[in-house]
């Protein structure tokens, strides 16, 4: 498969030279210690990456704070030109980025390539918004002055990215922050630091000034985040990950009233109504459930099917799931890659045990795949007891659970019976029904007759315990801007004399 170049500062990942140091103030540098990055398809070490700590993170904040004023006042067109240059570099390196992503995350190469394409779409979207951030102008309600509203960058921002979509998350977060005029400190996921490094190096090579983007790898995420969050110079945190960690970060943000965006856990209901196109619903459910081996916050967590079509849907879903091929993402024809780590695969096994304890019926799979790597069979359960504790968990695994609903109202009730509110899905042939059901779902996003929703022009985010704020669309860049109101006195009598 792949080997590692000995120097700590660089690694050779599938013949692609990748920097493995920290990036602070425009320079790559080593750290006192390193940590290993594993290929989850083989369990082999593919790189040793610089292990930063709180001191390194604060130096990154020093650099970001020092560069903030110049970056925020760079002319919009000049900043947009840098973005377009970086986009070109990323396009040129897209094949290498996809291969490195597959190597460290395990996702099939086709999925990695699709993620690169979507990520570049987000980055280009933000590039095109930079010169079009408009304010408003109005006459004061009592006359004699004008109301001018504009927007200012919120300031140095901490971006904490997850391992399951390592390029998409940094492109979506850093793209918005940098476009808004904020400097950033990126904390990569320890499982997938190499993809982040390739993104940052592309921006460096495109000419982004030193200190504007900084990258810290670490195995001590809690200590690093706590140090930066306690510093009054930090004005924004954007996090994607678990609700538990997001809650902890919000607590850290409270003393300094740090602006926070949170994209947290999901418990996505995938509703199949009695008039749905069952072939389409089964096809989309397989994609929505097993993409990235089920390791996605927007995955179909609970497949809720009207009882009149439940057997027919289940038959189609099982047939499609049986056709999935599990294996190393670099092999041709692979649909499902490995779980990210041995520890995570063990948790998948515990979920299977919980479902069995809840008297759920195992229809397919249920076992780890023997051999090298951290593979697990695509697994399907039929669940009759919708009150079991496991039915309220985010599975984050290649485990599908199918429930029966007695009516549309019953499906909506069960869909909303969760603390989460990120993504949901509705399948029906009736447009009026689709709208009526969607409006009653307590989720930030609803996919109607489709299992994939991410788009640069769309606002991505959830409600309830699934988070705060939005990424993408026109809202994404405004997450990193603060409105400013200017009251301008206008003495019309004097001016018109």
Protein backbone atom coordinates (compact mmCIF):
# COMPACT_ATOMS: atom_id res chain seq x y z
CA UNK A 1 0.00 0.00 0.00
CA UNK A 2 1.89 2.98 1.26
CA UNK A 3 5.04 3.88 3.11
CA UNK A 4 6.20 6.82 5.16
CA UNK A 5 9.20 9.01 4.52
CA UNK A 6 11.41 9.06 7.63
CA UNK A 7 11.65 12.84 8.27
CA UNK A 8 9.05 14.09 10.72
CA UNK A 9 8.46 17.18 8.59
CA UNK A 10 7.20 15.33 5.51
CA UNK A 11 5.55 12.04 4.65
CA UNK A 12 5.29 10.14 1.39
CA UNK A 13 1.66 9.02 1.20
CA UNK A 14 1.02 6.95 -1.93
CA UNK A 15 3.86 8.82 -3.63
CA UNK A 16 2.39 12.19 -2.60
CA UNK A 17 4.68 14.41 -0.56
CA UNK A 18 2.74 15.74 2.43
CA UNK A 19 3.93 18.15 5.09
CA UNK A 20 3.47 16.80 8.60
CA UNK A 21 4.45 19.80 10.71
CA UNK A 22 2.48 22.61 12.29
CA UNK A 23 1.85 25.71 10.16
CA UNK A 24 2.17 28.88 12.22
CA UNK A 25 2.71 32.42 10.99
CA UNK A 26 3.45 31.31 7.45
CA UNK A 27 6.07 28.67 8.36
CA UNK A 28 6.02 24.90 8.69
CA UNK A 29 7.67 23.65 11.84
CA UNK A 30 8.18 20.45 13.78
CA UNK A 31 7.01 19.82 17.33
CA UNK A 32 8.80 18.17 20.24
CA UNK A 33 6.76 14.99 19.77
CA UNK A 34 4.80 13.29 17.01
CA UNK A 35 1.85 10.94 16.79
CA UNK A 36 1.11 8.20 14.25
CA UNK A 37 -1.55 8.38 11.55
CA UNK A 38 -2.97 5.00 10.56
CA UNK A 39 -4.44 3.65 7.36
CA UNK A 40 -7.73 2.20 8.67
CA UNK A 41 -7.82 -0.26 5.76
CA UNK A 42 -4.61 -1.95 6.90
CA UNK A 43 -3.90 -0.70 10.43
CA UNK A 44 -0.45 0.39 9.25
CA UNK A 45 1.23 3.66 10.20
CA UNK A 46 1.35 5.99 7.20
CA UNK A 47 2.84 9.10 8.80
CA UNK A 48 4.21 10.64 11.98
CA UNK A 49 2.68 14.06 12.47
CA UNK A 50 3.78 16.95 14.69
CA UNK A 51 1.93 16.84 18.00
CA UNK A 52 1.17 20.42 18.98
CA UNK A 53 0.15 21.58 22.43
CA UNK A 54 -1.41 24.62 24.11
CA UNK A 55 1.76 26.70 23.70
CA UNK A 56 1.78 26.02 19.95
CA UNK A 57 -1.91 26.87 19.70
CA UNK A 58 -1.37 30.18 21.46
CA UNK A 59 1.51 30.99 19.12
CA UNK A 60 -0.89 30.28 16.26
CA UNK A 61 -3.34 32.72 17.85
CA UNK A 62 -0.50 35.26 18.14
CA UNK A 63 0.05 34.92 14.40
CA UNK A 64 -3.66 35.11 13.58
CA UNK A 65 -4.20 38.17 15.78
CA UNK A 66 -1.15 39.85 14.29
CA UNK A 67 -2.39 39.33 10.74
CA UNK A 68 -6.04 40.20 11.42
CA UNK A 69 -5.98 43.95 10.75
CA UNK A 70 -4.17 43.73 7.42
CA UNK A 71 -6.32 40.82 6.26
CA UNK A 72 -9.63 42.47 7.11
CA UNK A 73 -8.61 45.62 5.26
CA UNK A 74 -7.33 43.88 2.14
CA UNK A 75 -9.42 45.06 -0.80
CA UNK A 76 -12.24 42.61 -1.58
CA UNK A 77 -11.03 42.07 -5.12
CA UNK A 78 -7.49 41.35 -3.95
CA UNK A 79 -8.78 38.83 -1.43
CA UNK A 80 -11.02 37.24 -4.06
CA UNK A 81 -8.07 36.99 -6.46
CA UNK A 82 -6.15 35.04 -3.81
CA UNK A 83 -9.12 32.70 -3.43
CA UNK A 84 -9.32 32.08 -7.16
CA UNK A 85 -5.60 31.41 -7.29
CA UNK A 86 -5.91 28.94 -4.41
CA UNK A 87 -8.88 27.29 -6.08
CA UNK A 88 -6.74 26.72 -9.16
CA UNK A 89 -3.98 25.14 -7.06
CA UNK A 90 -6.49 22.89 -5.33
CA UNK A 91 -7.93 21.80 -8.69
CA UNK A 92 -4.43 20.92 -9.93
CA UNK A 93 -3.80 18.85 -6.79
CA UNK A 94 -7.26 17.32 -6.51
CA UNK A 95 -6.17 13.80 -7.49
CA UNK A 96 -3.43 13.78 -4.87
CA UNK A 97 -5.76 15.16 -2.19
CA UNK A 98 -8.34 12.45 -2.93
CA UNK A 99 -5.75 9.67 -2.68
CA UNK A 100 -4.33 10.98 0.60
CA UNK A 101 -7.86 11.32 1.97
CA UNK A 102 -8.65 7.71 1.11
CA UNK A 103 -5.38 6.61 2.66
CA UNK A 104 -5.99 8.23 6.05
CA UNK A 105 -9.81 8.11 6.28
CA UNK A 106 -10.46 4.81 4.52
CA UNK A 107 -13.35 6.08 2.40
CA UNK A 108 -13.54 4.65 -1.13
CA UNK A 109 -11.60 6.64 -3.70
CA UNK A 110 -14.79 7.50 -5.59
CA UNK A 111 -16.22 9.06 -2.42
CA UNK A 112 -12.98 10.94 -1.78
CA UNK A 113 -13.02 12.36 -5.30
CA UNK A 114 -16.65 13.43 -4.85
CA UNK A 115 -15.74 15.12 -1.57
CA UNK A 116 -12.89 17.01 -3.24
CA UNK A 117 -15.22 18.21 -5.98
CA UNK A 118 -17.84 19.38 -3.46
CA UNK A 119 -15.19 21.03 -1.28
CA UNK A 120 -13.81 22.99 -4.22
CA UNK A 121 -17.36 24.04 -5.03
CA UNK A 122 -17.74 25.51 -1.54
CA UNK A 123 -14.39 27.28 -1.77
CA UNK A 124 -15.32 28.79 -5.15
CA UNK A 125 -18.72 29.85 -3.77
CA UNK A 126 -17.03 31.88 -1.04
CA UNK A 127 -14.56 33.35 -3.51
CA UNK A 128 -17.48 34.68 -5.53
CA UNK A 129 -19.16 36.19 -2.47
CA UNK A 130 -16.21 38.26 -1.26
CA UNK A 131 -16.88 41.25 -3.50
CA UNK A 132 -20.64 41.09 -2.94
CA UNK A 133 -21.05 41.60 0.80
CA UNK A 134 -23.48 44.48 0.76
CA UNK A 135 -24.91 46.57 3.57
CA UNK A 136 -28.03 48.75 3.70
CA UNK A 137 -28.87 52.45 3.59
CA UNK A 138 -32.07 53.99 4.94
CA UNK A 139 -33.47 57.24 6.27
CA UNK A 140 -33.80 57.47 10.05
CA UNK A 141 -37.35 57.01 11.28
CA UNK A 142 -37.49 60.59 12.68
CA UNK A 143 -35.47 62.16 9.87
CA UNK A 144 -32.29 64.18 10.20
CA UNK A 145 -29.93 61.21 9.91
CA UNK A 146 -29.28 58.12 7.83
CA UNK A 147 -29.06 54.50 8.94
CA UNK A 148 -26.10 52.75 7.35
CA UNK A 149 -25.47 49.10 8.13
CA UNK A 150 -22.32 47.30 7.15
CA UNK A 151 -20.54 44.14 8.25
CA UNK A 152 -17.16 43.67 9.89
CA UNK A 153 -15.18 40.43 10.32
CA UNK A 154 -15.75 38.94 13.75
CA UNK A 155 -11.99 38.41 14.17
CA UNK A 156 -9.52 35.56 14.80
CA UNK A 157 -11.39 32.27 14.60
CA UNK A 158 -10.75 28.73 15.85
CA UNK A 159 -11.95 26.09 13.38
CA UNK A 160 -12.19 22.55 14.74
CA UNK A 161 -12.65 19.99 11.98
CA UNK A 162 -13.71 16.30 12.17
CA UNK A 163 -12.16 13.25 10.54
CA UNK A 164 -15.13 11.97 8.55
CA UNK A 165 -15.07 14.70 5.88
CA UNK A 166 -11.56 16.12 6.30
CA UNK A 167 -11.43 18.34 3.21
CA UNK A 168 -15.07 19.41 3.08
CA UNK A 169 -15.04 20.66 6.65
CA UNK A 170 -11.88 22.74 6.37
CA UNK A 171 -12.89 24.13 2.96
CA UNK A 172 -16.36 25.03 4.20
CA UNK A 173 -15.21 26.60 7.45
CA UNK A 174 -11.95 28.23 6.39
CA UNK A 175 -13.45 29.32 3.08
CA UNK A 176 -16.22 31.25 4.85
CA UNK A 177 -13.99 32.69 7.57
CA UNK A 178 -11.20 33.83 5.25
CA UNK A 179 -13.67 35.25 2.73
CA UNK A 180 -15.27 37.29 5.51
CA UNK A 181 -11.88 38.75 6.46
CA UNK A 182 -11.15 36.61 9.52
CA UNK A 183 -7.81 34.99 10.21
CA UNK A 184 -7.99 31.40 11.41
CA UNK A 185 -6.42 28.67 13.52
CA UNK A 186 -7.42 25.25 12.22
CA UNK A 187 -7.27 22.30 14.60
CA UNK A 188 -7.29 19.17 12.49
CA UNK A 189 -8.66 15.79 13.55
CA UNK A 190 -5.82 13.53 14.68
CA UNK A 191 -7.09 10.76 12.41
CA UNK A 192 -6.93 12.84 9.21
CA UNK A 193 -4.32 15.60 9.52
CA UNK A 194 -2.71 15.05 6.12
CA UNK A 195 -5.72 16.20 4.09
CA UNK A 196 -5.84 19.42 6.12
CA UNK A 197 -2.12 19.93 5.53
CA UNK A 198 -2.58 19.64 1.75
CA UNK A 199 -5.35 22.25 1.86
CA UNK A 200 -3.29 24.68 3.92
CA UNK A 201 -0.22 24.19 1.72
CA UNK A 202 -2.30 24.99 -1.36
CA UNK A 203 -3.34 28.32 0.20
CA UNK A 204 0.25 29.04 1.17
CA UNK A 205 1.46 28.34 -2.38
CA UNK A 206 -1.32 30.57 -3.74
CA UNK A 207 0.11 33.49 -1.78
CA UNK A 208 -2.06 33.80 1.32
CA UNK A 209 -0.11 36.03 3.76
CA UNK A 210 1.61 34.52 6.78
CA UNK A 211 -0.56 34.31 9.88
CA UNK A 212 -3.85 34.40 7.96
CA UNK A 213 -4.27 30.63 8.14
CA UNK A 214 -2.59 28.50 10.80
CA UNK A 215 -2.75 24.75 11.35
CA UNK A 216 -2.26 22.82 14.59
CA UNK A 217 -2.30 19.02 14.82
CA UNK A 218 -2.67 17.52 18.27
CA UNK A 219 -3.67 14.51 20.31
CA UNK A 220 -4.55 16.86 23.19
CA UNK A 221 -7.58 18.54 21.68
CA UNK A 222 -9.22 19.50 24.98
CA UNK A 223 -6.12 21.29 26.32
CA UNK A 224 -5.43 23.05 23.02
CA UNK A 225 -9.02 24.27 22.66
CA UNK A 226 -9.23 25.38 26.28
CA UNK A 227 -6.07 27.47 25.98
CA UNK A 228 -7.19 29.28 22.85
CA UNK A 229 -10.80 29.72 24.00
CA UNK A 230 -9.64 31.41 27.21
CA UNK A 231 -7.69 34.05 25.28
CA UNK A 232 -9.70 37.28 24.76
CA UNK A 233 -8.20 37.75 21.28
CA UNK A 234 -10.21 34.78 19.98
CA UNK A 235 -13.59 35.99 18.76
CA UNK A 236 -15.10 32.97 17.04
CA UNK A 237 -15.20 29.18 17.31
CA UNK A 238 -16.65 26.92 14.63
CA UNK A 239 -16.89 23.24 15.50
CA UNK A 240 -18.17 20.10 13.80
CA UNK A 241 -18.40 17.00 15.95
CA UNK A 242 -20.32 15.41 18.79
CA UNK A 243 -22.97 17.23 20.81
CA UNK A 244 -21.08 16.46 24.03
CA UNK A 245 -17.92 18.18 22.84
CA UNK A 246 -19.94 21.03 21.34
CA UNK A 247 -21.61 21.64 24.68
CA UNK A 248 -18.22 21.73 26.39
CA UNK A 249 -16.96 24.28 23.87
CA UNK A 250 -20.04 26.44 24.39
CA UNK A 251 -19.30 26.44 28.12
CA UNK A 252 -15.74 27.55 27.36
CA UNK A 253 -17.06 30.25 25.03
CA UNK A 254 -19.44 31.70 27.63
CA UNK A 255 -17.00 33.62 29.88
CA UNK A 256 -15.54 35.58 26.96
CA UNK A 257 -18.83 35.65 25.02
CA UNK A 258 -17.06 34.07 22.05
CA UNK A 259 -19.21 33.85 18.94
CA UNK A 260 -19.93 30.15 18.29
CA UNK A 261 -21.14 28.01 15.40
CA UNK A 262 -21.83 24.35 16.14
CA UNK A 263 -22.61 21.54 13.71
CA UNK A 264 -23.28 18.64 16.05
CA UNK A 265 -24.84 15.18 16.20
CA UNK A 266 -27.75 13.85 14.18
CA UNK A 267 -30.49 11.25 14.45
CA UNK A 268 -31.77 11.51 10.91
CA UNK A 269 -35.21 10.04 10.23
CA UNK A 270 -35.64 8.65 6.71
CA UNK A 271 -39.41 8.53 6.18
CA UNK A 272 -40.91 6.35 3.44
CA UNK A 273 -44.62 7.04 3.05
CA UNK A 274 -47.16 4.64 1.57
CA UNK A 275 -47.15 6.32 -1.87
CA UNK A 276 -43.35 6.51 -2.21
CA UNK A 277 -41.38 5.24 -5.18
CA UNK A 278 -39.92 2.26 -3.32
CA UNK A 279 -37.12 1.58 -5.79
CA UNK A 280 -35.94 5.18 -5.48
CA UNK A 281 -36.39 5.18 -1.71
CA UNK A 282 -34.37 1.99 -1.25
CA UNK A 283 -31.60 3.21 -3.55
CA UNK A 284 -31.33 6.57 -1.77
CA UNK A 285 -31.57 4.96 1.68
CA UNK A 286 -28.55 2.78 0.93
CA UNK A 287 -26.55 5.82 -0.20
CA UNK A 288 -27.71 7.91 2.75
CA UNK A 289 -26.98 5.15 5.27
CA UNK A 290 -23.77 3.50 4.07
CA UNK A 291 -21.86 6.40 2.50
CA UNK A 292 -18.56 6.76 4.38
CA UNK A 293 -19.41 3.49 6.17
CA UNK A 294 -22.28 5.24 7.93
CA UNK A 295 -19.89 7.69 9.59
CA UNK A 296 -21.81 10.86 8.78
CA UNK A 297 -23.92 13.13 10.97
CA UNK A 298 -26.53 13.40 8.19
CA UNK A 299 -26.81 9.64 7.67
CA UNK A 300 -30.18 7.91 7.78
CA UNK A 301 -30.23 6.96 11.44
CA UNK A 302 -33.82 5.69 11.65
CA UNK A 303 -35.55 4.39 8.52
CA UNK A 304 -39.27 4.86 9.23
CA UNK A 305 -41.54 3.08 6.74
CA UNK A 306 -45.32 3.06 6.49
CA UNK A 307 -46.50 -0.41 7.47
CA UNK A 308 -48.37 -0.93 4.20
CA UNK A 309 -45.10 -0.82 2.21
CA UNK A 310 -42.62 -1.88 4.91
CA UNK A 311 -42.10 -5.43 3.63
CA UNK A 312 -41.71 -4.37 0.01
CA UNK A 313 -39.29 -1.59 0.94
CA UNK A 314 -37.26 -3.86 3.24
CA UNK A 315 -36.91 -6.45 0.50
CA UNK A 316 -35.54 -3.83 -1.90
CA UNK A 317 -33.29 -2.28 0.73
CA UNK A 318 -31.78 -5.63 1.72
CA UNK A 319 -31.18 -6.56 -1.92
CA UNK A 320 -29.36 -3.27 -2.53
CA UNK A 321 -27.35 -3.60 0.69
CA UNK A 322 -26.25 -7.15 -0.25
CA UNK A 323 -24.76 -5.74 -3.45
CA UNK A 324 -22.40 -3.45 -1.53
CA UNK A 325 -18.76 -4.43 -1.65
CA UNK A 326 -16.64 -3.85 1.45
CA UNK A 327 -12.89 -3.37 1.12
CA UNK A 328 -9.86 -1.15 0.72
CA UNK A 329 -10.95 2.13 -0.84
CA UNK A 330 -8.20 1.94 -3.46
CA UNK A 331 -9.52 -1.32 -4.89
CA UNK A 332 -11.93 -1.00 -7.85
CA UNK A 333 -15.62 -1.43 -7.20
CA UNK A 334 -15.51 -0.78 -3.46
CA UNK A 335 -18.65 0.75 -1.96
CA UNK A 336 -17.91 0.66 1.78
CA UNK A 337 -14.53 1.29 3.37
CA UNK A 338 -13.33 0.66 6.91
CA UNK A 339 -14.39 2.15 10.21
CA UNK A 340 -11.95 4.94 11.11
CA UNK A 341 -10.22 3.11 14.00
CA UNK A 342 -10.12 -0.10 16.01
CA UNK A 343 -11.74 1.68 18.97
CA UNK A 344 -14.56 3.00 16.80
CA UNK A 345 -15.16 -0.45 15.32
CA UNK A 346 -15.45 -1.83 18.83
CA UNK A 347 -18.18 0.74 19.52
CA UNK A 348 -20.00 -0.49 16.40
CA UNK A 349 -19.96 -3.98 17.89
CA UNK A 350 -21.44 -2.63 21.12
CA UNK A 351 -24.28 -1.01 19.13
CA UNK A 352 -25.08 -4.36 17.55
CA UNK A 353 -25.22 -5.89 21.04
CA UNK A 354 -27.55 -3.12 22.23
CA UNK A 355 -29.91 -3.67 19.32
CA UNK A 356 -29.96 -7.41 19.97
CA UNK A 357 -30.69 -6.73 23.64
CA UNK A 358 -33.63 -4.59 22.52
CA UNK A 359 -35.01 -7.65 20.66
CA UNK A 360 -34.34 -6.09 17.27
CA UNK A 361 -34.27 -8.64 14.46
CA UNK A 362 -30.95 -8.92 12.64
CA UNK A 363 -31.66 -9.13 8.91
CA UNK A 364 -28.14 -8.77 7.51
CA UNK A 365 -24.53 -8.51 8.64
CA UNK A 366 -23.76 -7.80 12.28
CA UNK A 367 -20.10 -8.84 12.39
CA UNK A 368 -16.66 -7.29 11.91
CA UNK A 369 -14.89 -8.38 8.73
CA UNK A 370 -11.92 -10.62 9.59
CA UNK A 371 -8.44 -9.70 8.42
CA UNK A 372 -6.41 -6.52 8.32
CA UNK A 373 -8.00 -3.12 8.85
CA UNK A 374 -11.11 -2.03 10.71
CA UNK A 375 -13.93 -3.27 8.48
CA UNK A 376 -17.48 -4.06 9.54
CA UNK A 377 -20.26 -5.69 7.55
CA UNK A 378 -23.13 -3.49 6.35
CA UNK A 379 -25.77 -4.37 8.91
CA UNK A 380 -29.57 -4.15 8.89
CA UNK A 381 -31.96 -4.55 11.84
CA UNK A 382 -35.73 -4.48 12.00
CA UNK A 383 -36.76 -2.76 15.24
CA UNK A 384 -40.21 -3.14 16.75
CA UNK A 385 -39.60 -1.44 20.11
CA UNK A 386 -39.26 2.24 19.27
CA UNK A 387 -38.92 3.11 22.96
CA UNK A 388 -35.57 1.33 23.47
CA UNK A 389 -32.71 3.62 24.46
CA UNK A 390 -30.65 2.62 21.41
CA UNK A 391 -33.34 4.08 19.14
CA UNK A 392 -32.40 7.58 20.38
CA UNK A 393 -28.66 7.18 19.70
CA UNK A 394 -26.71 8.54 16.77
CA UNK A 395 -25.40 5.27 15.31
CA UNK A 396 -22.55 6.75 13.22
CA UNK A 397 -21.92 3.27 11.84
CA UNK A 398 -22.81 0.99 8.90
CA UNK A 399 -25.93 -0.12 10.80
CA UNK A 400 -29.38 0.49 9.36
CA UNK A 401 -32.47 0.26 11.56
CA UNK A 402 -35.92 -0.10 10.01
CA UNK A 403 -39.09 0.87 11.90
CA UNK A 404 -42.76 0.62 10.96
CA UNK A 405 -45.19 3.54 11.18
CA UNK A 406 -48.95 3.07 11.28
CA UNK A 407 -49.68 6.42 9.62
CA UNK A 408 -48.08 9.60 8.35
CA UNK A 409 -48.81 11.25 11.70
CA UNK A 410 -47.16 8.35 13.50
CA UNK A 411 -44.06 8.68 11.29
CA UNK A 412 -43.81 12.41 12.01
CA UNK A 413 -44.25 11.86 15.74
CA UNK A 414 -41.49 9.27 15.91
CA UNK A 415 -39.21 11.32 13.63
CA UNK A 416 -39.45 14.31 15.98
CA UNK A 417 -39.07 12.22 19.14
CA UNK A 418 -35.35 12.97 19.48
CA UNK A 419 -33.09 15.60 21.01
CA UNK A 420 -31.43 16.06 17.62
CA UNK A 421 -32.57 18.07 14.63
CA UNK A 422 -30.01 18.04 11.82
CA UNK A 423 -31.06 16.18 8.65
CA UNK A 424 -34.28 14.37 7.79
CA UNK A 425 -35.68 12.76 4.65
CA UNK A 426 -39.17 12.25 3.19
CA UNK A 427 -40.15 10.03 0.28
CA UNK A 428 -43.55 10.50 -1.33
CA UNK A 429 -44.92 11.03 -4.85
CA UNK A 430 -47.29 13.80 -3.65
CA UNK A 431 -45.75 17.30 -3.65
CA UNK A 432 -48.39 18.71 -1.28
CA UNK A 433 -47.77 15.85 1.11
CA UNK A 434 -44.02 16.37 0.90
CA UNK A 435 -44.34 20.03 1.85
CA UNK A 436 -46.88 19.40 4.62
CA UNK A 437 -44.75 16.67 6.22
CA UNK A 438 -41.48 18.60 5.81
CA UNK A 439 -42.91 21.65 7.55
CA UNK A 440 -43.79 19.51 10.56
CA UNK A 441 -40.32 17.98 10.89
CA UNK A 442 -38.19 19.64 13.59
CA UNK A 443 -34.99 19.52 11.58
CA UNK A 444 -32.76 22.10 9.97
CA UNK A 445 -32.73 20.23 6.66
CA UNK A 446 -35.18 18.01 4.82
CA UNK A 447 -34.29 15.96 1.76
CA UNK A 448 -37.38 15.27 -0.36
CA UNK A 449 -36.98 12.15 -2.50
CA UNK A 450 -33.20 12.40 -2.20
CA UNK A 451 -30.62 11.21 0.31
CA UNK A 452 -27.83 13.72 -0.37
CA UNK A 453 -28.36 17.44 0.26
CA UNK A 454 -24.97 19.19 0.58
CA UNK A 455 -24.58 22.07 -1.86
CA UNK A 456 -22.47 25.25 -1.74
CA UNK A 457 -25.56 27.40 -2.32
CA UNK A 458 -27.54 25.80 0.53
CA UNK A 459 -27.47 26.60 4.25
CA UNK A 460 -26.29 23.52 6.16
CA UNK A 461 -27.11 23.15 9.85
CA UNK A 462 -29.49 21.89 12.47
CA UNK A 463 -31.73 22.80 15.40
CA UNK A 464 -32.12 21.54 18.97
CA UNK A 465 -29.03 19.59 20.10
CA UNK A 466 -27.75 19.40 16.53
CA UNK A 467 -26.20 22.83 16.66
CA UNK A 468 -26.18 26.56 16.15
CA UNK A 469 -25.61 28.53 12.98
CA UNK A 470 -25.28 27.54 9.34
CA UNK A 471 -22.51 26.69 6.90
CA UNK A 472 -22.78 27.27 3.16
CA UNK A 473 -25.20 29.38 1.19
CA UNK A 474 -25.49 33.10 1.82
CA UNK A 475 -25.63 32.42 5.55
CA UNK A 476 -22.25 30.68 5.77
CA UNK A 477 -20.07 33.74 5.33
CA UNK A 478 -22.29 35.84 7.61
CA UNK A 479 -21.47 33.47 10.48
CA UNK A 480 -18.06 35.20 10.46
CA UNK A 481 -19.37 38.77 10.15
CA UNK A 482 -20.85 41.13 12.72
CA UNK A 483 -23.34 43.82 11.64
CA UNK A 484 -22.26 47.38 12.34
CA UNK A 485 -24.71 50.29 12.40
CA UNK A 486 -23.57 53.80 11.48
CA UNK A 487 -25.87 56.71 12.33
CA UNK A 488 -24.95 59.59 10.04
CA UNK A 489 -26.36 63.07 10.78
CA UNK A 490 -27.70 64.78 7.65
CA UNK A 491 -28.52 68.50 8.00
CA UNK A 492 -30.68 68.85 4.91
CA UNK A 493 -31.57 72.48 5.58
CA UNK A 494 -27.90 73.49 5.62
CA UNK A 495 -26.93 71.22 2.75
CA UNK A 496 -29.60 72.56 0.43
CA UNK A 497 -29.18 76.29 1.12
